[in-house]
Amino acid sequence: MPSTNDIERPSEALAVTRRYLRRERPLSALVAVLAVAVFLGTYLTASFLPAVVVAAASVVVARAPILQSQGTIRLRTEADPETVRDEFAGPTPPILALQWGVADDVNARDDAVTYPTSYLFGLRSADVTVRTETETTPEGNYRVESEVTMNDRQWATYVSTIRSDGDRTLVDVEYAAHRRFGLRRVPQQFVARRYRDDALAVQGYAVVERDSHFGL
């Protein structure tokens, strides 16, 4: 299928994702440093074998995929519902700004859009793919469902309902992750939420309400 690799991404949102990376990368490094500190602290106060046991247990607890995120977000924008529908169904949906913002490229095809992303100095990579379906509800609203996969594995589902509210447009987003993550990712989740809201704001979407939580 034909593909397009020259998708223009909003510069203001890209600036937010760069700030996010400047916070997220040191935080990831800090988690690793804390794990090493636990090992060394146990080694200095006990012995090598207890240190190994504690370090192994810490890694298991921190990395075990036990948490799953889900929630709802209500957005408000000055744009009309048709414009919002096109943006949410387009190659750079506002709610996925951190995904396409940190990607190396945006590759759009007829049936999907992919965000190839490299990290750890290019030693690792991941392909985030989004497939979107749009429909009009009996009430005359728009419904956009985005299925997100990472390396061909289910990652999350976003269902956005778009409706007119006077001279503004409201967007109710319900999302659920299909992949679980460990406790080591919790601080990063909070950082991501802050910058996700900033990325929405620079695209013209104000967060009116948010109800997000982690479940087992």
N, C-alpha and C. Protein backbone atom coordinates (compact mmCIF):
# COMPACT_ATOMS: atom_id res chain seq x y z
N MET A 1 0.84 -1.19 0.00
CA MET A 1 0.00 0.00 0.00
C MET A 1 0.88 1.24 0.00
N PRO A 2 0.42 2.31 -0.61
CA PRO A 2 1.23 3.52 -0.63
C PRO A 2 1.39 4.08 0.77
N SER A 3 2.52 4.69 0.99
CA SER A 3 2.77 5.29 2.31
C SER A 3 3.32 6.69 2.12
N THR A 4 3.17 7.49 3.18
CA THR A 4 3.65 8.86 3.17
C THR A 4 4.51 9.07 4.40
N ASN A 5 5.75 9.55 4.20
CA ASN A 5 6.67 9.72 5.31
C ASN A 5 6.95 11.18 5.64
N ASP A 6 6.25 12.09 4.99
CA ASP A 6 6.54 13.51 5.19
C ASP A 6 5.41 14.20 5.93
N ILE A 7 4.80 13.50 6.90
CA ILE A 7 3.71 14.07 7.68
C ILE A 7 4.26 15.19 8.57
N GLU A 8 3.66 16.34 8.48
CA GLU A 8 4.10 17.47 9.30
C GLU A 8 3.49 17.37 10.69
N ARG A 9 4.35 17.48 11.69
CA ARG A 9 3.89 17.42 13.07
C ARG A 9 3.91 18.82 13.68
N PRO A 10 2.88 19.16 14.48
CA PRO A 10 2.82 20.50 15.07
C PRO A 10 4.08 20.81 15.88
N SER A 11 4.72 21.93 15.56
CA SER A 11 5.99 22.27 16.19
C SER A 11 5.84 22.51 17.69
N GLU A 12 4.70 23.12 18.11
CA GLU A 12 4.51 23.39 19.53
C GLU A 12 4.43 22.09 20.33
N ALA A 13 3.75 21.09 19.77
CA ALA A 13 3.65 19.80 20.46
C ALA A 13 5.00 19.10 20.49
N LEU A 14 5.78 19.22 19.41
CA LEU A 14 7.11 18.63 19.40
C LEU A 14 8.00 19.25 20.48
N ALA A 15 7.84 20.55 20.71
CA ALA A 15 8.62 21.21 21.76
C ALA A 15 8.26 20.64 23.13
N VAL A 16 6.98 20.35 23.35
CA VAL A 16 6.55 19.77 24.63
C VAL A 16 7.14 18.38 24.80
N THR A 17 7.14 17.57 23.74
CA THR A 17 7.68 16.22 23.86
C THR A 17 9.17 16.24 24.12
N ARG A 18 9.87 17.23 23.60
CA ARG A 18 11.31 17.34 23.91
C ARG A 18 11.52 17.64 25.39
N ARG A 19 10.65 18.50 25.95
CA ARG A 19 10.76 18.77 27.39
C ARG A 19 10.43 17.52 28.19
N TYR A 20 9.45 16.76 27.71
CA TYR A 20 9.10 15.50 28.37
C TYR A 20 10.29 14.54 28.40
N LEU A 21 10.98 14.39 27.28
CA LEU A 21 12.13 13.50 27.23
C LEU A 21 13.24 13.96 28.16
N ARG A 22 13.41 15.27 28.31
CA ARG A 22 14.45 15.78 29.21
C ARG A 22 14.14 15.43 30.66
N ARG A 23 12.88 15.25 30.99
CA ARG A 23 12.50 14.84 32.35
C ARG A 23 12.45 13.32 32.48
N GLU A 24 11.94 12.65 31.44
CA GLU A 24 11.71 11.21 31.52
C GLU A 24 13.00 10.43 31.54
N ARG A 25 13.99 10.82 30.74
CA ARG A 25 15.24 10.07 30.67
C ARG A 25 16.02 10.10 31.99
N PRO A 26 16.19 11.27 32.64
CA PRO A 26 16.86 11.25 33.94
C PRO A 26 16.08 10.45 34.98
N LEU A 27 14.74 10.47 34.88
CA LEU A 27 13.94 9.71 35.84
C LEU A 27 14.18 8.21 35.66
N SER A 28 14.25 7.76 34.42
CA SER A 28 14.54 6.35 34.16
C SER A 28 15.91 5.98 34.70
N ALA A 29 16.88 6.88 34.51
CA ALA A 29 18.22 6.63 35.04
C ALA A 29 18.22 6.59 36.56
N LEU A 30 17.41 7.45 37.18
CA LEU A 30 17.33 7.48 38.64
C LEU A 30 16.80 6.16 39.19
N VAL A 31 15.82 5.58 38.53
CA VAL A 31 15.28 4.29 38.97
C VAL A 31 16.39 3.23 38.96
N ALA A 32 17.21 3.24 37.91
CA ALA A 32 18.32 2.28 37.83
C ALA A 32 19.34 2.54 38.94
N VAL A 33 19.64 3.82 39.20
CA VAL A 33 20.59 4.16 40.25
C VAL A 33 20.09 3.71 41.61
N LEU A 34 18.79 3.87 41.87
CA LEU A 34 18.22 3.43 43.15
C LEU A 34 18.35 1.93 43.33
N ALA A 35 18.17 1.18 42.24
CA ALA A 35 18.31 -0.27 42.32
C ALA A 35 19.75 -0.65 42.69
N VAL A 36 20.71 0.03 42.09
CA VAL A 36 22.11 -0.22 42.41
C VAL A 36 22.40 0.18 43.86
N ALA A 37 21.81 1.28 44.30
CA ALA A 37 22.03 1.74 45.68
C ALA A 37 21.50 0.73 46.69
N VAL A 38 20.36 0.12 46.39
CA VAL A 38 19.81 -0.91 47.28
C VAL A 38 20.77 -2.09 47.39
N PHE A 39 21.31 -2.49 46.24
CA PHE A 39 22.28 -3.60 46.24
C PHE A 39 23.51 -3.26 47.07
N LEU A 40 24.09 -2.09 46.83
CA LEU A 40 25.30 -1.70 47.54
C LEU A 40 25.05 -1.53 49.03
N GLY A 41 23.89 -0.94 49.35
CA GLY A 41 23.58 -0.75 50.77
C GLY A 41 23.44 -2.06 51.50
N THR A 42 22.79 -3.03 50.87
CA THR A 42 22.66 -4.35 51.49
C THR A 42 24.00 -5.05 51.59
N TYR A 43 24.82 -4.88 50.56
CA TYR A 43 26.15 -5.52 50.55
C TYR A 43 27.04 -4.96 51.67
N LEU A 44 26.97 -3.66 51.89
CA LEU A 44 27.82 -3.03 52.91
C LEU A 44 27.36 -3.35 54.31
N THR A 45 26.05 -3.52 54.50
CA THR A 45 25.52 -3.77 55.85
C THR A 45 25.38 -5.26 56.16
N ALA A 46 25.37 -6.10 55.11
CA ALA A 46 25.23 -7.54 55.35
C ALA A 46 26.38 -8.26 54.66
N SER A 47 26.06 -8.91 53.54
CA SER A 47 27.10 -9.60 52.78
C SER A 47 26.66 -9.71 51.33
N PHE A 48 27.49 -10.35 50.52
CA PHE A 48 27.21 -10.40 49.09
C PHE A 48 25.94 -11.18 48.79
N LEU A 49 25.76 -12.35 49.40
CA LEU A 49 24.60 -13.19 49.08
C LEU A 49 23.28 -12.50 49.41
N PRO A 50 23.10 -11.92 50.62
CA PRO A 50 21.86 -11.19 50.88
C PRO A 50 21.65 -10.02 49.91
N ALA A 51 22.76 -9.39 49.51
CA ALA A 51 22.64 -8.28 48.57
C ALA A 51 22.10 -8.76 47.23
N VAL A 52 22.58 -9.91 46.79
CA VAL A 52 22.09 -10.47 45.53
C VAL A 52 20.60 -10.82 45.63
N VAL A 53 20.22 -11.41 46.76
CA VAL A 53 18.82 -11.79 46.96
C VAL A 53 17.92 -10.55 46.96
N VAL A 54 18.33 -9.52 47.69
CA VAL A 54 17.54 -8.29 47.76
C VAL A 54 17.46 -7.63 46.40
N ALA A 55 18.59 -7.58 45.69
CA ALA A 55 18.61 -6.95 44.37
C ALA A 55 17.70 -7.70 43.40
N ALA A 56 17.75 -9.04 43.44
CA ALA A 56 16.90 -9.83 42.55
C ALA A 56 15.43 -9.62 42.87
N ALA A 57 15.11 -9.59 44.18
CA ALA A 57 13.71 -9.37 44.58
C ALA A 57 13.24 -7.99 44.16
N SER A 58 14.11 -6.98 44.28
CA SER A 58 13.74 -5.62 43.89
C SER A 58 13.46 -5.54 42.39
N VAL A 59 14.29 -6.21 41.61
CA VAL A 59 14.09 -6.20 40.16
C VAL A 59 12.77 -6.86 39.80
N VAL A 60 12.49 -7.99 40.43
CA VAL A 60 11.24 -8.71 40.14
C VAL A 60 10.03 -7.86 40.49
N VAL A 61 10.06 -7.25 41.69
CA VAL A 61 8.93 -6.43 42.13
C VAL A 61 8.76 -5.20 41.24
N ALA A 62 9.87 -4.58 40.88
CA ALA A 62 9.80 -3.35 40.09
C ALA A 62 9.36 -3.60 38.66
N ARG A 63 9.77 -4.74 38.09
CA ARG A 63 9.51 -5.00 36.68
C ARG A 63 8.27 -5.86 36.44
N ALA A 64 7.76 -6.51 37.47
CA ALA A 64 6.62 -7.41 37.28
C ALA A 64 5.42 -6.64 36.70
N PRO A 65 4.85 -7.13 35.60
CA PRO A 65 3.71 -6.43 34.97
C PRO A 65 2.42 -6.64 35.75
N ILE A 66 2.19 -5.79 36.73
CA ILE A 66 1.03 -5.97 37.61
C ILE A 66 0.02 -4.83 37.49
N LEU A 67 0.40 -3.72 36.89
CA LEU A 67 -0.48 -2.56 36.83
C LEU A 67 -0.96 -2.31 35.40
N GLN A 68 -2.17 -1.77 35.31
CA GLN A 68 -2.77 -1.46 34.02
C GLN A 68 -3.50 -0.13 34.13
N SER A 69 -3.24 0.78 33.21
CA SER A 69 -3.84 2.11 33.29
C SER A 69 -5.11 2.18 32.46
N GLN A 70 -6.05 2.98 32.94
CA GLN A 70 -7.29 3.23 32.23
C GLN A 70 -7.91 4.51 32.79
N GLY A 71 -8.87 5.06 32.08
CA GLY A 71 -9.49 6.27 32.57
C GLY A 71 -10.26 7.01 31.49
N THR A 72 -10.68 8.21 31.84
CA THR A 72 -11.43 9.06 30.92
C THR A 72 -10.87 10.49 30.98
N ILE A 73 -11.01 11.18 29.86
CA ILE A 73 -10.58 12.58 29.78
C ILE A 73 -11.65 13.36 29.03
N ARG A 74 -11.99 14.53 29.53
CA ARG A 74 -12.89 15.43 28.79
C ARG A 74 -12.09 16.64 28.33
N LEU A 75 -12.16 16.89 27.04
CA LEU A 75 -11.43 18.01 26.44
C LEU A 75 -12.40 19.03 25.88
N ARG A 76 -11.96 20.28 25.84
CA ARG A 76 -12.76 21.36 25.25
C ARG A 76 -11.89 22.12 24.26
N THR A 77 -12.48 22.47 23.14
CA THR A 77 -11.73 23.19 22.11
C THR A 77 -12.65 24.16 21.37
N GLU A 78 -12.05 25.16 20.78
CA GLU A 78 -12.80 26.14 19.99
C GLU A 78 -13.07 25.64 18.58
N ALA A 79 -12.40 24.59 18.15
CA ALA A 79 -12.58 24.07 16.80
C ALA A 79 -13.95 23.42 16.64
N ASP A 80 -14.45 23.35 15.42
CA ASP A 80 -15.75 22.73 15.18
C ASP A 80 -15.62 21.21 15.20
N PRO A 81 -16.73 20.48 15.41
CA PRO A 81 -16.67 19.02 15.54
C PRO A 81 -16.05 18.32 14.33
N GLU A 82 -16.30 18.82 13.13
CA GLU A 82 -15.74 18.18 11.94
C GLU A 82 -14.22 18.26 11.93
N THR A 83 -13.70 19.43 12.30
CA THR A 83 -12.25 19.60 12.36
C THR A 83 -11.64 18.69 13.41
N VAL A 84 -12.29 18.61 14.57
CA VAL A 84 -11.81 17.75 15.64
C VAL A 84 -11.82 16.28 15.21
N ARG A 85 -12.90 15.88 14.55
CA ARG A 85 -12.97 14.50 14.06
C ARG A 85 -11.80 14.20 13.14
N ASP A 86 -11.51 15.10 12.22
CA ASP A 86 -10.42 14.89 11.27
C ASP A 86 -9.07 14.82 11.98
N GLU A 87 -8.90 15.63 13.02
CA GLU A 87 -7.63 15.62 13.76
C GLU A 87 -7.46 14.31 14.54
N PHE A 88 -8.52 13.86 15.18
CA PHE A 88 -8.44 12.64 15.97
C PHE A 88 -8.31 11.40 15.09
N ALA A 89 -8.81 11.46 13.88
CA ALA A 89 -8.71 10.34 12.96
C ALA A 89 -7.50 10.46 12.04
N GLY A 90 -6.74 11.54 12.16
CA GLY A 90 -5.60 11.79 11.28
C GLY A 90 -4.34 11.09 11.74
N PRO A 91 -3.23 11.34 11.05
CA PRO A 91 -1.97 10.65 11.37
C PRO A 91 -1.31 11.12 12.66
N THR A 92 -1.70 12.30 13.16
CA THR A 92 -1.13 12.80 14.42
C THR A 92 -2.26 13.19 15.37
N PRO A 93 -3.01 12.21 15.89
CA PRO A 93 -4.11 12.54 16.81
C PRO A 93 -3.61 13.25 18.06
N PRO A 94 -4.31 14.28 18.50
CA PRO A 94 -3.85 15.07 19.65
C PRO A 94 -3.59 14.26 20.91
N ILE A 95 -4.39 13.23 21.17
CA ILE A 95 -4.24 12.45 22.40
C ILE A 95 -3.01 11.55 22.39
N LEU A 96 -2.37 11.38 21.23
CA LEU A 96 -1.18 10.54 21.14
C LEU A 96 0.07 11.36 20.84
N ALA A 97 0.06 12.59 21.27
CA ALA A 97 1.18 13.50 20.95
C ALA A 97 2.52 12.99 21.46
N LEU A 98 2.54 12.37 22.65
CA LEU A 98 3.81 11.88 23.17
C LEU A 98 4.34 10.72 22.34
N GLN A 99 3.44 9.99 21.69
CA GLN A 99 3.88 8.86 20.86
C GLN A 99 4.47 9.36 19.54
N TRP A 100 3.70 10.19 18.80
CA TRP A 100 4.25 10.66 17.53
C TRP A 100 5.28 11.77 17.72
N GLY A 101 5.26 12.41 18.89
CA GLY A 101 6.22 13.47 19.13
C GLY A 101 7.63 12.97 19.35
N VAL A 102 7.78 11.79 19.98
CA VAL A 102 9.12 11.25 20.23
C VAL A 102 9.58 10.31 19.12
N ALA A 103 8.70 10.05 18.15
CA ALA A 103 9.04 9.11 17.09
C ALA A 103 10.07 9.69 16.13
N ASP A 104 10.80 8.80 15.48
CA ASP A 104 11.78 9.22 14.48
C ASP A 104 11.08 9.72 13.22
N ASP A 105 9.89 9.20 12.95
CA ASP A 105 9.17 9.54 11.73
C ASP A 105 7.70 9.20 11.92
N VAL A 106 6.88 9.64 10.99
CA VAL A 106 5.46 9.30 10.97
C VAL A 106 5.17 8.73 9.59
N ASN A 107 4.86 7.43 9.53
CA ASN A 107 4.62 6.74 8.27
C ASN A 107 3.13 6.43 8.14
N ALA A 108 2.46 7.12 7.25
CA ALA A 108 1.02 6.94 7.07
C ALA A 108 0.75 6.03 5.87
N ARG A 109 -0.14 5.04 6.08
CA ARG A 109 -0.61 4.18 5.02
C ARG A 109 -2.12 4.32 4.91
N ASP A 110 -2.70 3.59 3.97
CA ASP A 110 -4.15 3.69 3.78
C ASP A 110 -4.93 3.22 5.01
N ASP A 111 -4.40 2.20 5.69
CA ASP A 111 -5.17 1.58 6.78
C ASP A 111 -4.61 1.87 8.16
N ALA A 112 -3.45 2.54 8.25
CA ALA A 112 -2.84 2.74 9.56
C ALA A 112 -1.74 3.79 9.46
N VAL A 113 -1.25 4.21 10.62
CA VAL A 113 -0.10 5.11 10.70
C VAL A 113 0.86 4.52 11.72
N THR A 114 2.15 4.57 11.43
CA THR A 114 3.16 3.96 12.29
C THR A 114 4.17 5.01 12.73
N TYR A 115 4.56 4.94 14.02
CA TYR A 115 5.56 5.83 14.58
C TYR A 115 6.79 5.01 14.96
N PRO A 116 7.77 4.86 14.07
CA PRO A 116 9.00 4.14 14.44
C PRO A 116 9.83 4.98 15.40
N THR A 117 10.24 4.38 16.50
CA THR A 117 10.94 5.11 17.56
C THR A 117 12.16 4.33 18.00
N SER A 118 13.31 4.97 18.05
CA SER A 118 14.53 4.35 18.54
C SER A 118 14.93 5.01 19.85
N TYR A 119 15.56 4.23 20.72
CA TYR A 119 16.00 4.76 22.01
C TYR A 119 17.21 3.97 22.47
N LEU A 120 17.75 4.35 23.63
CA LEU A 120 19.01 3.78 24.12
C LEU A 120 20.09 3.91 23.06
N PHE A 121 20.21 5.15 22.53
CA PHE A 121 21.24 5.47 21.54
C PHE A 121 21.13 4.60 20.30
N GLY A 122 19.88 4.26 19.96
CA GLY A 122 19.65 3.48 18.75
C GLY A 122 19.79 1.98 18.92
N LEU A 123 20.09 1.52 20.14
CA LEU A 123 20.26 0.09 20.37
C LEU A 123 18.93 -0.66 20.38
N ARG A 124 17.86 0.04 20.69
CA ARG A 124 16.54 -0.59 20.70
C ARG A 124 15.56 0.29 19.93
N SER A 125 14.51 -0.34 19.45
CA SER A 125 13.51 0.40 18.68
C SER A 125 12.14 -0.22 18.88
N ALA A 126 11.12 0.55 18.57
CA ALA A 126 9.74 0.07 18.68
C ALA A 126 8.91 0.76 17.60
N ASP A 127 7.95 0.04 17.08
CA ASP A 127 7.01 0.58 16.10
C ASP A 127 5.63 0.66 16.73
N VAL A 128 5.15 1.87 16.93
CA VAL A 128 3.79 2.09 17.44
C VAL A 128 2.88 2.32 16.23
N THR A 129 1.84 1.50 16.12
CA THR A 129 0.93 1.58 14.98
C THR A 129 -0.48 1.89 15.46
N VAL A 130 -1.15 2.80 14.76
CA VAL A 130 -2.49 3.23 15.12
C VAL A 130 -3.44 2.95 13.95
N ARG A 131 -4.52 2.24 14.24
CA ARG A 131 -5.58 2.00 13.27
C ARG A 131 -6.85 2.64 13.80
N THR A 132 -7.51 3.42 12.98
CA THR A 132 -8.63 4.25 13.43
C THR A 132 -9.89 3.96 12.63
N GLU A 133 -11.02 3.94 13.35
CA GLU A 133 -12.33 3.82 12.72
C GLU A 133 -13.20 4.98 13.20
N THR A 134 -13.92 5.57 12.27
CA THR A 134 -14.76 6.74 12.59
C THR A 134 -16.20 6.45 12.19
N GLU A 135 -17.14 6.88 13.04
CA GLU A 135 -18.55 6.71 12.72
C GLU A 135 -19.35 7.88 13.30
N THR A 136 -20.55 8.05 12.80
CA THR A 136 -21.47 9.06 13.33
C THR A 136 -22.52 8.34 14.16
N THR A 137 -22.73 8.80 15.39
CA THR A 137 -23.68 8.16 16.29
C THR A 137 -25.11 8.59 15.94
N PRO A 138 -26.12 7.86 16.44
CA PRO A 138 -27.51 8.26 16.19
C PRO A 138 -27.84 9.67 16.67
N GLU A 139 -27.09 10.16 17.66
CA GLU A 139 -27.31 11.52 18.17
C GLU A 139 -26.65 12.58 17.29
N GLY A 140 -25.94 12.16 16.26
CA GLY A 140 -25.28 13.11 15.38
C GLY A 140 -23.88 13.48 15.83
N ASN A 141 -23.37 12.79 16.84
CA ASN A 141 -22.00 13.04 17.28
C ASN A 141 -21.02 12.16 16.48
N TYR A 142 -19.74 12.43 16.65
CA TYR A 142 -18.72 11.62 15.99
C TYR A 142 -18.04 10.72 17.02
N ARG A 143 -17.74 9.52 16.60
CA ARG A 143 -17.05 8.55 17.46
C ARG A 143 -15.81 8.06 16.71
N VAL A 144 -14.65 8.25 17.34
CA VAL A 144 -13.39 7.84 16.74
C VAL A 144 -12.74 6.81 17.66
N GLU A 145 -12.52 5.62 17.15
CA GLU A 145 -11.89 4.56 17.93
C GLU A 145 -10.50 4.29 17.37
N SER A 146 -9.50 4.39 18.22
CA SER A 146 -8.11 4.20 17.81
C SER A 146 -7.54 2.98 18.53
N GLU A 147 -7.15 1.98 17.75
CA GLU A 147 -6.49 0.80 18.30
C GLU A 147 -4.98 0.97 18.12
N VAL A 148 -4.26 0.90 19.23
CA VAL A 148 -2.82 1.13 19.21
C VAL A 148 -2.08 -0.16 19.51
N THR A 149 -1.11 -0.48 18.68
CA THR A 149 -0.27 -1.65 18.92
C THR A 149 1.19 -1.20 18.98
N MET A 150 2.00 -1.99 19.69
CA MET A 150 3.44 -1.75 19.72
C MET A 150 4.14 -3.03 19.30
N ASN A 151 4.91 -2.94 18.23
CA ASN A 151 5.56 -4.12 17.67
C ASN A 151 4.56 -5.26 17.45
N ASP A 152 3.40 -4.88 16.89
CA ASP A 152 2.33 -5.83 16.53
C ASP A 152 1.65 -6.48 17.73
N ARG A 153 1.86 -5.93 18.91
CA ARG A 153 1.17 -6.42 20.10
C ARG A 153 0.22 -5.34 20.60
N GLN A 154 -0.97 -5.75 21.04
CA GLN A 154 -1.95 -4.78 21.53
C GLN A 154 -1.35 -3.93 22.64
N TRP A 155 -1.61 -2.62 22.54
CA TRP A 155 -1.05 -1.69 23.52
C TRP A 155 -2.14 -0.91 24.24
N ALA A 156 -3.09 -0.31 23.50
CA ALA A 156 -4.15 0.47 24.15
C ALA A 156 -5.26 0.75 23.15
N THR A 157 -6.42 1.10 23.69
CA THR A 157 -7.57 1.51 22.88
C THR A 157 -8.06 2.86 23.38
N TYR A 158 -8.30 3.78 22.45
CA TYR A 158 -8.84 5.09 22.76
C TYR A 158 -10.15 5.26 22.00
N VAL A 159 -11.22 5.58 22.73
CA VAL A 159 -12.51 5.85 22.10
C VAL A 159 -12.89 7.29 22.41
N SER A 160 -12.98 8.10 21.37
CA SER A 160 -13.24 9.54 21.53
C SER A 160 -14.61 9.87 20.95
N THR A 161 -15.46 10.47 21.77
CA THR A 161 -16.79 10.93 21.33
C THR A 161 -16.76 12.45 21.23
N ILE A 162 -17.09 12.95 20.06
CA ILE A 162 -16.96 14.39 19.76
C ILE A 162 -18.34 14.98 19.57
N ARG A 163 -18.64 16.04 20.30
CA ARG A 163 -19.97 16.65 20.19
C ARG A 163 -19.89 18.16 20.34
N SER A 164 -20.85 18.81 19.73
CA SER A 164 -20.92 20.27 19.81
C SER A 164 -21.48 20.68 21.16
N ASP A 165 -20.96 21.79 21.70
CA ASP A 165 -21.43 22.34 22.97
C ASP A 165 -21.50 23.86 22.81
N GLY A 166 -22.56 24.31 22.17
CA GLY A 166 -22.68 25.73 21.87
C GLY A 166 -21.69 26.12 20.80
N ASP A 167 -20.85 27.11 21.12
CA ASP A 167 -19.84 27.54 20.16
C ASP A 167 -18.51 26.84 20.39
N ARG A 168 -18.51 25.78 21.19
CA ARG A 168 -17.31 24.99 21.44
C ARG A 168 -17.58 23.52 21.15
N THR A 169 -16.54 22.73 21.23
CA THR A 169 -16.66 21.29 21.01
C THR A 169 -16.08 20.55 22.20
N LEU A 170 -16.80 19.54 22.66
CA LEU A 170 -16.34 18.70 23.76
C LEU A 170 -15.92 17.34 23.20
N VAL A 171 -14.86 16.81 23.76
CA VAL A 171 -14.37 15.49 23.38
C VAL A 171 -14.24 14.65 24.64
N ASP A 172 -14.99 13.56 24.71
CA ASP A 172 -14.90 12.62 25.82
C ASP A 172 -14.09 11.42 25.36
N VAL A 173 -12.94 11.23 25.99
CA VAL A 173 -12.02 10.15 25.61
C VAL A 173 -12.02 9.09 26.71
N GLU A 174 -12.27 7.85 26.31
CA GLU A 174 -12.15 6.72 27.23
C GLU A 174 -11.00 5.85 26.73
N TYR A 175 -10.06 5.56 27.61
CA TYR A 175 -8.92 4.77 27.17
C TYR A 175 -8.64 3.63 28.14
N ALA A 176 -8.06 2.58 27.60
CA ALA A 176 -7.69 1.42 28.41
C ALA A 176 -6.44 0.80 27.82
N ALA A 177 -5.45 0.57 28.66
CA ALA A 177 -4.22 -0.07 28.22
C ALA A 177 -4.42 -1.58 28.20
N HIS A 178 -3.83 -2.24 27.21
CA HIS A 178 -3.89 -3.69 27.13
C HIS A 178 -2.62 -4.35 27.65
N ARG A 179 -1.60 -3.53 27.88
CA ARG A 179 -0.34 -4.07 28.39
C ARG A 179 -0.11 -3.56 29.81
N ARG A 180 0.33 -4.46 30.66
CA ARG A 180 0.60 -4.09 32.04
C ARG A 180 2.05 -3.62 32.19
N PHE A 181 2.32 -2.91 33.27
CA PHE A 181 3.66 -2.43 33.52
C PHE A 181 3.99 -2.58 35.00
N GLY A 182 5.28 -2.46 35.32
CA GLY A 182 5.73 -2.65 36.69
C GLY A 182 5.76 -1.36 37.48
N LEU A 183 6.05 -1.48 38.77
CA LEU A 183 6.06 -0.32 39.66
C LEU A 183 7.11 0.70 39.24
N ARG A 184 8.17 0.26 38.58
CA ARG A 184 9.22 1.20 38.18
C ARG A 184 8.73 2.23 37.18
N ARG A 185 7.60 1.95 36.52
CA ARG A 185 7.07 2.87 35.53
C ARG A 185 6.09 3.89 36.11
N VAL A 186 5.72 3.74 37.38
CA VAL A 186 4.72 4.64 37.96
C VAL A 186 5.18 6.10 37.95
N PRO A 187 6.42 6.43 38.40
CA PRO A 187 6.84 7.84 38.33
C PRO A 187 6.79 8.38 36.91
N GLN A 188 7.17 7.56 35.93
CA GLN A 188 7.15 8.01 34.55
C GLN A 188 5.73 8.28 34.06
N GLN A 189 4.79 7.49 34.57
CA GLN A 189 3.39 7.69 34.19
C GLN A 189 2.90 9.06 34.64
N PHE A 190 3.29 9.48 35.83
CA PHE A 190 2.87 10.79 36.32
C PHE A 190 3.53 11.93 35.53
N VAL A 191 4.80 11.75 35.18
CA VAL A 191 5.47 12.76 34.35
C VAL A 191 4.80 12.85 32.99
N ALA A 192 4.49 11.69 32.41
CA ALA A 192 3.85 11.66 31.10
C ALA A 192 2.50 12.35 31.13
N ARG A 193 1.75 12.17 32.21
CA ARG A 193 0.43 12.79 32.28
C ARG A 193 0.55 14.31 32.25
N ARG A 194 1.53 14.85 32.95
CA ARG A 194 1.69 16.30 32.96
C ARG A 194 1.99 16.83 31.56
N TYR A 195 2.94 16.19 30.89
CA TYR A 195 3.32 16.69 29.57
C TYR A 195 2.29 16.34 28.50
N ARG A 196 1.53 15.29 28.73
CA ARG A 196 0.43 14.99 27.82
C ARG A 196 -0.60 16.11 27.83
N ASP A 197 -0.90 16.64 29.01
CA ASP A 197 -1.83 17.77 29.11
C ASP A 197 -1.26 19.01 28.45
N ASP A 198 0.05 19.24 28.63
CA ASP A 198 0.68 20.40 27.99
C ASP A 198 0.63 20.27 26.47
N ALA A 199 0.86 19.05 25.97
CA ALA A 199 0.82 18.84 24.53
C ALA A 199 -0.58 19.06 23.98
N LEU A 200 -1.59 18.67 24.73
CA LEU A 200 -2.97 18.92 24.31
C LEU A 200 -3.26 20.42 24.28
N ALA A 201 -2.77 21.13 25.29
CA ALA A 201 -3.04 22.57 25.39
C ALA A 201 -2.48 23.33 24.20
N VAL A 202 -1.25 23.01 23.79
CA VAL A 202 -0.66 23.76 22.67
C VAL A 202 -1.32 23.41 21.34
N GLN A 203 -2.10 22.33 21.33
CA GLN A 203 -2.85 21.97 20.13
C GLN A 203 -4.29 22.51 20.15
N GLY A 204 -4.59 23.25 21.21
CA GLY A 204 -5.90 23.88 21.29
C GLY A 204 -6.94 23.12 22.09
N TYR A 205 -6.51 22.13 22.89
CA TYR A 205 -7.44 21.32 23.67
C TYR A 205 -7.17 21.51 25.16
N ALA A 206 -8.17 22.00 25.87
CA ALA A 206 -8.05 22.17 27.32
C ALA A 206 -8.62 20.95 28.02
N VAL A 207 -7.91 20.45 29.03
CA VAL A 207 -8.38 19.32 29.81
C VAL A 207 -9.38 19.83 30.85
N VAL A 208 -10.64 19.47 30.68
CA VAL A 208 -11.70 19.90 31.59
C VAL A 208 -11.79 18.96 32.79
N GLU A 209 -11.75 17.67 32.51
CA GLU A 209 -11.82 16.65 33.57
C GLU A 209 -10.89 15.51 33.21
N ARG A 210 -10.35 14.88 34.24
CA ARG A 210 -9.54 13.68 34.02
C ARG A 210 -9.78 12.72 35.16
N ASP A 211 -10.03 11.47 34.83
CA ASP A 211 -10.18 10.42 35.84
C ASP A 211 -9.34 9.25 35.37
N SER A 212 -8.13 9.17 35.88
CA SER A 212 -7.22 8.09 35.47
C SER A 212 -6.72 7.37 36.69
N HIS A 213 -6.52 6.08 36.52
CA HIS A 213 -6.03 5.28 37.66
C HIS A 213 -5.32 4.03 37.14
N PHE A 214 -4.60 3.41 38.06
CA PHE A 214 -3.91 2.16 37.76
C PHE A 214 -4.66 1.03 38.45
N GLY A 215 -4.87 -0.03 37.72
CA GLY A 215 -5.55 -1.20 38.29
C GLY A 215 -4.68 -2.43 38.17
N LEU A 216 -4.99 -3.44 39.01
CA LEU A 216 -4.25 -4.69 38.97
C LEU A 216 -4.85 -5.62 37.93
